[in-house]
Each structure stands twice: as C-alpha cells, then as structure tokens.
Protein backbone atom coordinates (compact mmCIF):
# COMPACT_ATOMS: atom_id res chain seq x y z
CA MET A 1 -6.77 103.87 -280.53
CA GLY A 2 -10.02 103.06 -282.35
CA LEU A 3 -11.57 99.77 -283.33
CA THR A 4 -9.36 97.28 -285.14
CA PRO A 5 -10.49 95.87 -288.50
CA LEU A 6 -11.39 92.56 -286.88
CA VAL A 7 -13.63 94.19 -284.27
CA LEU A 8 -15.34 96.14 -287.04
CA ALA A 9 -15.79 92.98 -289.09
CA LEU A 10 -17.31 91.15 -286.15
CA SER A 11 -19.66 94.04 -285.50
CA VAL A 12 -20.83 94.00 -289.12
CA LEU A 13 -21.39 90.25 -288.92
CA GLY A 14 -23.51 90.68 -285.82
CA ALA A 15 -21.04 89.04 -283.48
CA GLY A 16 -21.54 89.61 -279.79
CA GLY A 17 -22.44 86.33 -278.20
CA LEU A 18 -20.98 82.94 -277.43
CA PRO A 19 -22.23 79.89 -279.38
CA ASP A 20 -25.73 78.71 -278.47
CA ASP A 21 -24.49 75.54 -276.78
CA TRP A 22 -22.30 77.64 -274.49
CA VAL A 23 -25.23 79.85 -273.58
CA ALA A 24 -27.23 76.69 -272.84
CA ARG A 25 -24.51 75.72 -270.34
CA GLY A 26 -25.06 79.01 -268.54
CA ILE A 27 -21.72 80.46 -269.67
CA THR A 28 -21.71 84.16 -270.47
CA CYS A 29 -19.17 86.92 -271.08
CA ASN A 30 -18.39 89.92 -268.91
CA SER A 31 -15.67 92.56 -268.72
CA ARG A 32 -14.40 91.50 -265.26
CA THR A 33 -13.65 87.77 -265.64
CA GLY A 34 -14.00 87.14 -269.37
CA LEU A 35 -16.02 83.93 -269.23
CA SER A 36 -18.35 83.56 -266.27
CA HIS A 37 -17.19 79.94 -265.83
CA PRO A 38 -14.12 78.00 -267.00
CA PRO A 39 -14.38 76.38 -270.44
CA PRO A 40 -15.84 72.88 -269.90
CA LEU A 41 -13.58 69.84 -269.94
CA CYS A 42 -13.77 67.12 -272.57
CA ALA A 43 -15.35 63.97 -271.12
CA PRO A 44 -16.88 60.65 -272.28
CA ASP A 45 -20.36 62.14 -271.87
CA ASP A 46 -19.32 65.56 -273.16
CA LYS A 47 -17.02 64.84 -276.09
CA CYS A 48 -14.92 67.51 -277.75
CA THR A 49 -15.51 67.20 -281.49
CA ASP A 50 -14.94 70.75 -282.79
CA LEU A 51 -11.21 70.13 -282.58
CA PHE A 52 -8.20 72.25 -283.39
CA PRO A 53 -7.14 71.29 -286.96
CA SER A 54 -3.82 69.66 -286.02
CA TYR A 55 -5.70 66.75 -284.42
CA ALA A 56 -6.55 65.62 -287.95
CA ILE A 57 -2.87 64.85 -288.55
CA TYR A 58 -3.22 61.95 -286.11
CA GLY A 59 -6.67 60.92 -287.31
CA THR A 60 -8.30 62.14 -284.10
CA SER A 61 -11.94 63.16 -284.52
CA GLU A 62 -12.96 63.44 -280.87
CA VAL A 63 -11.37 63.89 -277.45
CA THR A 64 -13.04 62.30 -274.44
CA GLU A 65 -10.37 62.42 -271.70
CA GLU A 66 -9.75 65.47 -269.52
CA GLN A 67 -6.00 65.48 -270.11
CA HIS A 68 -3.50 63.77 -272.39
CA GLU A 69 -0.59 61.78 -271.03
CA ALA A 70 2.75 63.55 -271.27
CA THR A 71 5.92 61.72 -272.30
CA CYS A 72 8.90 63.50 -270.80
CA ALA A 73 11.47 62.11 -273.23
CA ARG A 74 12.88 62.27 -276.73
CA GLY A 75 14.71 59.65 -278.78
CA PHE A 76 16.29 56.56 -277.30
CA GLY A 77 19.43 55.39 -275.52
CA PHE A 78 22.37 57.76 -275.16
CA LEU A 79 21.10 59.81 -278.11
CA GLY A 80 17.85 60.69 -276.39
CA LYS A 81 16.66 62.67 -273.41
CA ASP A 82 14.54 60.93 -270.79
CA ASP A 83 13.47 62.81 -267.68
CA GLY A 84 11.32 60.01 -266.32
CA PRO A 85 7.59 60.04 -265.63
CA PRO A 86 5.74 63.34 -265.27
CA LYS A 87 5.66 65.01 -261.87
CA GLU A 88 2.23 65.14 -260.23
CA ILE A 89 0.59 67.86 -258.17
CA ASN A 90 -2.78 67.84 -256.44
CA VAL A 91 -4.29 71.20 -257.31
CA PRO A 92 -7.18 72.63 -255.28
CA THR A 93 -10.00 73.66 -257.58
CA ASP A 94 -13.59 74.80 -257.34
CA PHE A 95 -14.44 72.86 -260.49
CA ALA A 96 -13.68 69.19 -259.77
CA PRO A 97 -15.38 66.56 -257.59
CA GLY A 98 -13.74 66.59 -254.19
CA GLY A 99 -12.17 69.99 -254.83
CA VAL A 100 -8.85 68.58 -256.10
CA ARG A 101 -7.51 67.63 -259.52
CA LYS A 102 -4.25 65.82 -260.22
CA ARG A 103 -2.12 67.78 -262.67
CA LYS A 104 1.12 66.74 -264.38
CA TYR A 105 4.25 68.37 -265.74
CA CYS A 106 7.64 67.39 -267.15
CA LEU A 107 10.74 68.60 -265.34
CA TYR A 108 14.41 68.62 -266.23
CA GLU A 109 16.64 69.21 -263.19
CA PRO A 110 20.34 69.91 -263.61
CA ARG A 111 22.60 69.66 -260.61
CA GLY A 112 22.60 72.59 -258.25
CA THR A 113 20.31 74.70 -256.12
CA ARG A 114 18.59 78.04 -256.64
CA LEU A 115 18.60 77.49 -260.38
CA PRO A 116 16.77 79.72 -262.86
CA LEU A 117 13.36 78.26 -263.73
CA VAL A 118 11.98 78.35 -267.27
CA ILE A 119 8.35 77.25 -267.71
CA TRP A 120 7.35 76.38 -271.30
CA PHE A 121 3.66 76.07 -272.22
CA HIS A 122 2.70 73.94 -275.23
CA GLY A 123 0.32 75.03 -277.96
CA SER A 124 -3.23 73.98 -278.85
CA SER A 125 -3.63 70.19 -279.18
CA GLY A 126 -0.09 69.74 -277.84
CA SER A 127 1.47 68.14 -274.80
CA ALA A 128 4.17 68.87 -272.25
CA GLY A 129 6.46 66.49 -274.12
CA ASN A 130 6.49 68.72 -277.21
CA VAL A 131 9.36 70.68 -275.71
CA TYR A 132 11.60 67.64 -276.28
CA ASP A 133 10.64 67.14 -279.92
CA ILE A 134 10.08 70.54 -281.49
CA THR A 135 12.34 72.92 -279.58
CA GLY A 136 15.98 72.98 -278.58
CA LEU A 137 15.23 74.08 -275.03
CA ARG A 138 15.75 70.69 -273.42
CA ASP A 139 19.30 70.52 -274.79
CA LYS A 140 20.03 74.11 -273.83
CA ALA A 141 18.73 73.51 -270.29
CA GLU A 142 21.81 71.38 -269.60
CA THR A 143 24.43 74.06 -270.20
CA TRP A 144 22.89 77.48 -270.96
CA ARG A 145 23.67 79.96 -268.17
CA LEU A 146 20.68 82.09 -267.23
CA ASP A 147 22.68 83.57 -264.36
CA ASP A 148 26.38 84.11 -263.78
CA GLY A 149 26.89 81.11 -261.54
CA ASN A 150 24.90 78.05 -262.51
CA GLU A 151 25.34 75.92 -265.59
CA GLY A 152 21.91 74.98 -266.90
CA PHE A 153 18.41 75.77 -265.73
CA LEU A 154 15.27 74.04 -264.52
CA LEU A 155 12.89 73.40 -267.42
CA ALA A 156 9.26 72.72 -266.48
CA THR A 157 6.53 72.01 -269.03
CA PRO A 158 2.95 71.80 -267.70
CA GLN A 159 0.36 69.55 -269.34
CA SER A 160 -2.87 71.38 -270.08
CA LEU A 161 -6.38 70.06 -269.66
CA ASN A 162 -8.55 69.21 -272.69
CA ARG A 163 -11.32 71.74 -273.04
CA HIS A 164 -14.24 72.79 -275.15
CA TRP A 165 -13.22 76.13 -276.65
CA PRO A 166 -15.31 78.75 -278.43
CA PRO A 167 -14.72 78.40 -282.19
CA ARG A 168 -13.78 81.18 -284.55
CA VAL A 169 -13.20 80.37 -288.21
CA ILE A 170 -11.79 76.95 -287.26
CA GLY A 171 -12.41 74.46 -284.48
CA GLU A 172 -10.50 75.28 -281.31
CA SER A 173 -11.32 72.52 -278.79
CA GLY A 174 -8.77 70.13 -277.31
CA ALA A 175 -5.63 70.62 -275.22
CA LYS A 176 -5.67 74.25 -274.05
CA HIS A 177 -4.17 76.38 -271.30
CA ASP A 178 -7.03 78.50 -269.97
CA TYR A 179 -6.61 82.27 -270.21
CA ILE A 180 -10.26 83.04 -271.05
CA TYR A 181 -11.68 82.47 -267.54
CA ARG A 182 -10.06 85.52 -265.99
CA ASP A 183 -10.91 85.18 -262.33
CA TRP A 184 -7.21 84.57 -261.84
CA GLU A 185 -7.37 83.39 -258.22
CA LYS A 186 -9.93 80.72 -259.16
CA ASN A 187 -8.48 79.85 -262.58
CA GLU A 188 -7.32 76.23 -262.22
CA ASP A 189 -4.37 76.56 -264.60
CA PHE A 190 -3.12 79.56 -262.64
CA ARG A 191 -3.44 77.55 -259.42
CA PHE A 192 -1.57 74.65 -261.02
CA VAL A 193 1.37 76.81 -262.09
CA ASP A 194 1.31 78.68 -258.78
CA ARG A 195 1.67 75.45 -256.83
CA MET A 196 4.36 74.10 -259.15
CA ILE A 197 6.44 77.27 -258.74
CA ASP A 198 5.91 77.46 -255.00
CA GLU A 199 6.98 73.84 -254.50
CA LEU A 200 10.10 74.24 -256.64
CA VAL A 201 11.12 77.41 -254.81
CA ALA A 202 10.36 75.92 -251.37
CA SER A 203 12.51 72.88 -252.19
CA GLY A 204 15.49 75.15 -252.81
CA LYS A 205 15.77 74.08 -256.44
CA ALA A 206 14.41 77.26 -258.06
CA ASP A 207 15.74 80.79 -257.74
CA PRO A 208 12.77 83.03 -256.82
CA ASN A 209 14.42 85.95 -258.62
CA ARG A 210 14.64 84.08 -261.91
CA ILE A 211 11.23 82.61 -262.68
CA PHE A 212 10.63 82.92 -266.41
CA VAL A 213 7.70 81.89 -268.63
CA THR A 214 7.57 81.13 -272.33
CA GLY A 215 5.31 79.28 -274.72
CA TRP A 216 4.00 78.72 -278.19
CA SER A 217 0.63 79.80 -279.64
CA ASN A 218 -2.02 79.05 -276.99
CA GLY A 219 0.88 78.49 -274.61
CA CYS A 220 2.40 81.84 -275.53
CA ILE A 221 -0.90 83.62 -274.91
CA PHE A 222 -1.27 81.85 -271.57
CA SER A 223 2.34 82.65 -270.63
CA MET A 224 1.65 86.35 -271.24
CA ALA A 225 -1.54 86.25 -269.17
CA TYR A 226 0.14 84.40 -266.33
CA GLY A 227 3.37 86.39 -266.52
CA ILE A 228 1.70 89.79 -266.59
CA VAL A 229 -0.63 88.96 -263.69
CA ARG A 230 2.05 87.23 -261.60
CA TYR A 231 4.59 89.99 -262.15
CA THR A 232 2.68 92.25 -259.79
CA THR A 233 0.36 89.86 -257.93
CA PRO A 234 2.40 87.02 -256.39
CA THR A 235 1.59 83.36 -255.97
CA PRO A 236 0.22 82.20 -252.59
CA ALA A 237 3.82 81.72 -251.39
CA GLY A 238 4.87 85.16 -252.60
CA ASN A 239 6.68 84.27 -255.82
CA ARG A 240 6.56 86.43 -258.94
CA VAL A 241 7.43 86.05 -262.61
CA ALA A 242 10.51 88.00 -263.68
CA ALA A 243 10.18 88.05 -267.48
CA ILE A 244 8.43 86.53 -270.51
CA ALA A 245 9.65 85.37 -273.93
CA GLY A 246 7.11 83.68 -276.21
CA PHE A 247 6.35 82.78 -279.81
CA SER A 248 3.20 83.43 -281.84
CA GLY A 249 0.81 84.93 -279.35
CA VAL A 250 -1.46 87.91 -278.98
CA ASP A 251 -3.52 89.84 -276.42
CA PRO A 252 -4.65 87.36 -273.71
CA PHE A 253 -7.28 89.69 -272.23
CA THR A 254 -9.38 90.34 -275.33
CA ALA A 255 -12.46 88.78 -276.97
CA VAL A 256 -13.29 85.11 -276.45
CA GLY A 257 -14.02 83.46 -279.78
CA ILE A 258 -16.00 86.19 -281.49
CA ASP A 259 -17.57 87.60 -278.32
CA ILE A 260 -16.17 91.08 -277.71
CA GLY A 261 -18.15 91.23 -274.45
CA CYS A 262 -15.35 89.22 -272.81
CA ILE A 263 -12.71 91.94 -273.30
CA LEU A 264 -11.45 93.02 -269.88
CA ALA A 265 -12.46 96.55 -268.99
CA GLU A 266 -9.15 97.05 -267.20
CA TYR A 267 -5.94 95.28 -268.15
CA PRO A 268 -3.39 94.34 -265.49
CA LYS A 269 -0.38 96.64 -265.55
CA PRO A 270 2.50 97.49 -265.36
CA ASN A 271 3.95 94.77 -267.53
CA PRO A 272 7.07 92.67 -266.96
CA PRO A 273 9.94 92.59 -269.44
CA LEU A 274 8.36 90.81 -272.40
CA MET A 275 9.82 89.50 -275.66
CA LEU A 276 7.44 88.36 -278.39
CA VAL A 277 8.65 86.55 -281.50
CA SER A 278 6.14 86.44 -284.36
CA LYS A 279 6.06 85.47 -288.03
CA ASP A 280 5.21 88.06 -290.66
CA CYS A 281 2.65 85.57 -292.03
CA ASP A 282 0.89 83.53 -289.34
CA VAL A 283 -2.55 82.17 -288.48
CA ILE A 284 -2.51 84.79 -285.71
CA PRO A 285 -2.90 87.92 -287.87
CA CYS A 286 0.22 90.04 -287.88
CA PHE A 287 -1.70 93.31 -287.52
CA LEU A 288 -3.27 92.04 -284.28
CA VAL A 289 0.17 91.23 -282.91
CA GLU A 290 1.38 94.72 -283.82
CA THR A 291 -1.63 96.26 -282.05
CA TRP A 292 -0.90 94.21 -278.92
CA VAL A 293 2.79 95.15 -279.00
CA ALA A 294 1.90 98.83 -279.35
CA TRP A 295 -0.23 98.57 -276.21
CA LEU A 296 2.54 96.74 -274.33
CA ARG A 297 5.01 99.47 -275.23
CA SER A 298 2.63 102.20 -274.11
CA SER A 299 1.99 100.33 -270.86
CA GLY A 300 5.40 98.92 -269.96
CA GLY A 301 7.75 101.17 -271.87
CA GLU A 302 9.75 100.72 -275.06
CA GLU A 303 12.73 99.22 -273.26
CA ASN A 304 10.51 96.65 -271.53
CA THR A 305 9.02 95.21 -274.74
CA ASN A 306 11.08 93.42 -277.38
CA PHE A 307 9.17 92.57 -280.57
CA LEU A 308 10.99 90.38 -283.08
CA LEU A 309 9.18 89.94 -286.40
CA ILE A 310 10.67 87.22 -288.61
CA ASN A 311 9.90 85.53 -291.91
CA SER A 312 9.64 81.82 -292.63
CA ASN A 313 13.46 81.57 -292.82
CA GLY A 314 13.86 83.09 -289.37
CA ASP A 315 15.26 86.36 -290.75
CA GLN A 316 14.16 89.59 -289.11
CA VAL A 317 11.81 91.72 -291.21
CA SER A 318 10.32 95.16 -290.69
CA GLU A 319 6.68 94.68 -291.67
CA CYS A 320 3.88 92.14 -291.98
CA ALA A 321 3.65 90.12 -295.18
CA GLY A 322 1.14 91.33 -297.75
CA LEU A 323 -2.14 89.56 -298.37
CA THR A 324 -0.97 88.29 -301.75
CA SER A 325 2.01 86.44 -300.25
CA CYS A 326 0.39 85.33 -296.99
CA ASP A 327 -1.98 82.54 -297.99
CA PRO A 328 -3.61 80.22 -295.39
CA ALA A 329 -1.25 77.32 -296.09
CA THR A 330 1.86 79.47 -295.60
CA ALA A 331 0.41 80.99 -292.45
CA LEU A 332 -0.24 77.54 -290.96
CA VAL A 333 3.22 76.21 -291.84
CA ASN A 334 4.84 79.27 -290.28
CA HIS A 335 2.72 78.96 -287.16
CA LEU A 336 3.68 75.32 -286.65
CA ALA A 337 7.43 76.01 -286.93
CA TRP A 338 8.97 76.92 -283.57
CA PRO A 339 11.76 79.53 -284.10
CA SER A 340 14.69 77.39 -282.96
CA SER A 341 17.20 79.77 -284.55
CA ARG A 342 15.98 82.51 -282.19
CA GLU A 343 16.05 80.54 -278.93
CA ASP A 344 19.37 82.00 -277.80
CA GLU A 345 17.98 85.53 -278.18
CA MET A 346 14.90 84.57 -276.19
CA LEU A 347 17.02 83.07 -273.43
CA GLN A 348 19.34 86.08 -273.46
CA TRP A 349 16.30 88.33 -272.95
CA LEU A 350 15.28 86.29 -269.92
CA LYS A 351 18.82 86.27 -268.52
CA ALA A 352 18.99 90.05 -268.76
CA HIS A 353 15.81 90.47 -266.72
CA PRO A 354 15.93 88.83 -263.28
CA LEU A 355 13.24 90.00 -260.90
CA ASP A 356 13.68 93.59 -259.80
CA ALA A 357 12.81 93.89 -256.13
CA THR A 358 11.70 97.46 -256.80
CA ALA A 359 9.18 96.46 -259.49
CA PRO A 360 5.93 98.38 -258.97
CA GLY A 361 2.84 96.79 -257.54
CA PRO A 362 -0.41 96.07 -259.38
CA GLY A 363 -2.36 98.79 -261.04
CA PRO A 364 -5.05 98.10 -263.64
CA GLY A 365 -5.07 100.08 -266.83
CA PRO A 366 -7.66 100.61 -269.55
CA SER A 367 -7.92 97.94 -272.21
CA PRO A 368 -6.94 98.52 -275.82
CA THR A 369 -9.66 97.90 -278.39
CA THR A 370 -8.15 94.76 -279.86
CA THR A 371 -9.40 91.27 -280.41
CA GLY A 372 -7.86 87.97 -281.40
CA GLY A 373 -6.04 84.95 -279.96
C-alpha cells in the first residue's frame, strides 16, 4: 500500500518517539501493545493541562479528577428525559489501588427482555450524558425496532476516565476512551465494557445476538477497536459484538500521537459489519479515513463495510473536500456536529447485522501503513 503522506511527513520531521515527559514516566511504544502502559490518569498531583481544545469553551484550563460526573438526563419535566443516576460497576484493574475502580454509565431501559443493546461512546472531553443533548438516540431508543419483536432498545453510554494523552498538533488530554494501550485483556476500558455487557446479558435484559457499538470521534475510534476485537474474541462471559456504526473515526490500531512505533504489527481480523460516517472536511483528515476504509474492505469484504461520506449539510458526496474549501474552522465545526439526519441509516445497518453464529474466529492480519486518530 505504501506510506501515507502523514507517515512521510512525520518521518521528515524526525518523529518516532513519545514526548519526553512520557518517556520519563517509563512509557514506550511497541508493535504488540501500542503503549507499554495505559495513558496516565489526571489527578490533583498530576494535572492534565494540555487539554483537548473544546475544554476552552467552558473555561477549563486543567483537569484534576480521574473521571467527570455523568448526568443521565436532558431537559426538564415531561419535555425532558431523565434516566436517573448513573449505574456503577466495580471493574477489576491492574492499575488502581486495591485492584478495583468504580466506573459509571448511563442506561435507558425500555420494557421487555432480551432487548437489542446499543452502546454509545462519547468523544474527547465529553461525557456519557452527551447522548441526551447532541444526538437523537435517546428518543429513538424508546420506539425504534432493532429486531422484529421488541419496540425500543437498551441504550448504554459509558463514562470515560480523564487521561493524559500524547499531543499531536493540538492538545489531546482529558476525557478519553483508551484504545492506545492495546493489551486488550488488561485494558481497563475494555474490562469496563466487558463487565457492563456481561451483566446486562446475564440479567436477561440484553439480547446476546444484538450487541452493537457506536460512538463519536474518540468514542468512534474506541468503538471500532472494541468492536473489532470483541467480534472474534468474546468477553469473559462469552459475549461478542455483532456490528459497529460510528461517526468521525479512523484506524484505532495505528500510531500514538506522532509515534509510528506504536502501530500494531498485526491487526485483529476478520472484521465485523462496520458502518463509518465521515465528513468530507473534518479534523480527522478525510484521506486517512479513506485509507482505513480501504483496509477494512480488503479485510472484511466490500459487503461488510459501509462508508458514508457526507458534507456539512448531511448530503452524501463522492470525494473529500479540497484543501481550498476545507479550512480548520470548517473542519472543526463539521467534526463537532453529530450526523442526526443519518441516525436512522446507522440504526438500520445495525438491525441488518445481528450476530452470525457462524462468524469466523480470530485471526490476525498484517497492518496497513496508516497513521492518525
């Protein structure tokens, strides 16, 4: 496939290592687990200050807590949606005092049993409650049929931890789902989602054949990492992801920051049914998305990969916007606008792809030479 323009640019600039303060922490890159350790958490004595730009909207210049509080509601009174306080799970981890960390997620539960489960992951600097304010999924969860029997679906939205994150052109630290520490069985966010799924299935609420993941930006990238890995390698209780539909994401197994040494030598494959919606002008470069989609199609098949490229109006287009029309301000505005007009298509994609009991088992494949995300 050859090196992408971004890899070439990084090579010319002498890229190849993590920032000095990361090296001082003993964190390195390798082609088996990406980072050698999880990205460190924000803390009072280890403040996150190189923040993702959207924090500036709220006047936030530093983050000192390990996770934000999630508000599982929108609006007020009969006009709003209030699903009560976040659910809590004690997640076993190798990276917290006592070996356990309390994690939280929002959950909407319609009436019924063995319901389809949709898990939505928020973007950088976001929270689990964003699903109520910036998408139409909470409303659709009440009536949209993801199978032929049930009205509505379970909608779960995990709250990420706040992490230091290797910078690229902009600051990246803050609320992040972790896809860059790629020892998947030790990755705490994987363990969190595993336990959430296993508990919902064991309770009889969730249909194990209809576990779907979606997300936005960092959450989209994480959903692809989690969904691809958990399509072939099940959770501890034996549950697997059936399909993925996300917005504004790219290769989750590639370089970390500007360190191409973190690219996985072998990518997990085969891939689940995956739909990716992207803007023709976005802060995630369109050509990187196209490179990732090309690899997905070569790995999982044309019919298994649905790429929908849209413009700022939500209309489908055939090619990336040119450099003269895609300025940084337009790219940021596009990135921050969830494609509500395309939600029904995303849900229809999930509905059409319940888990196939004959899906093949795990088999690693060579990595494409891409970078980004």
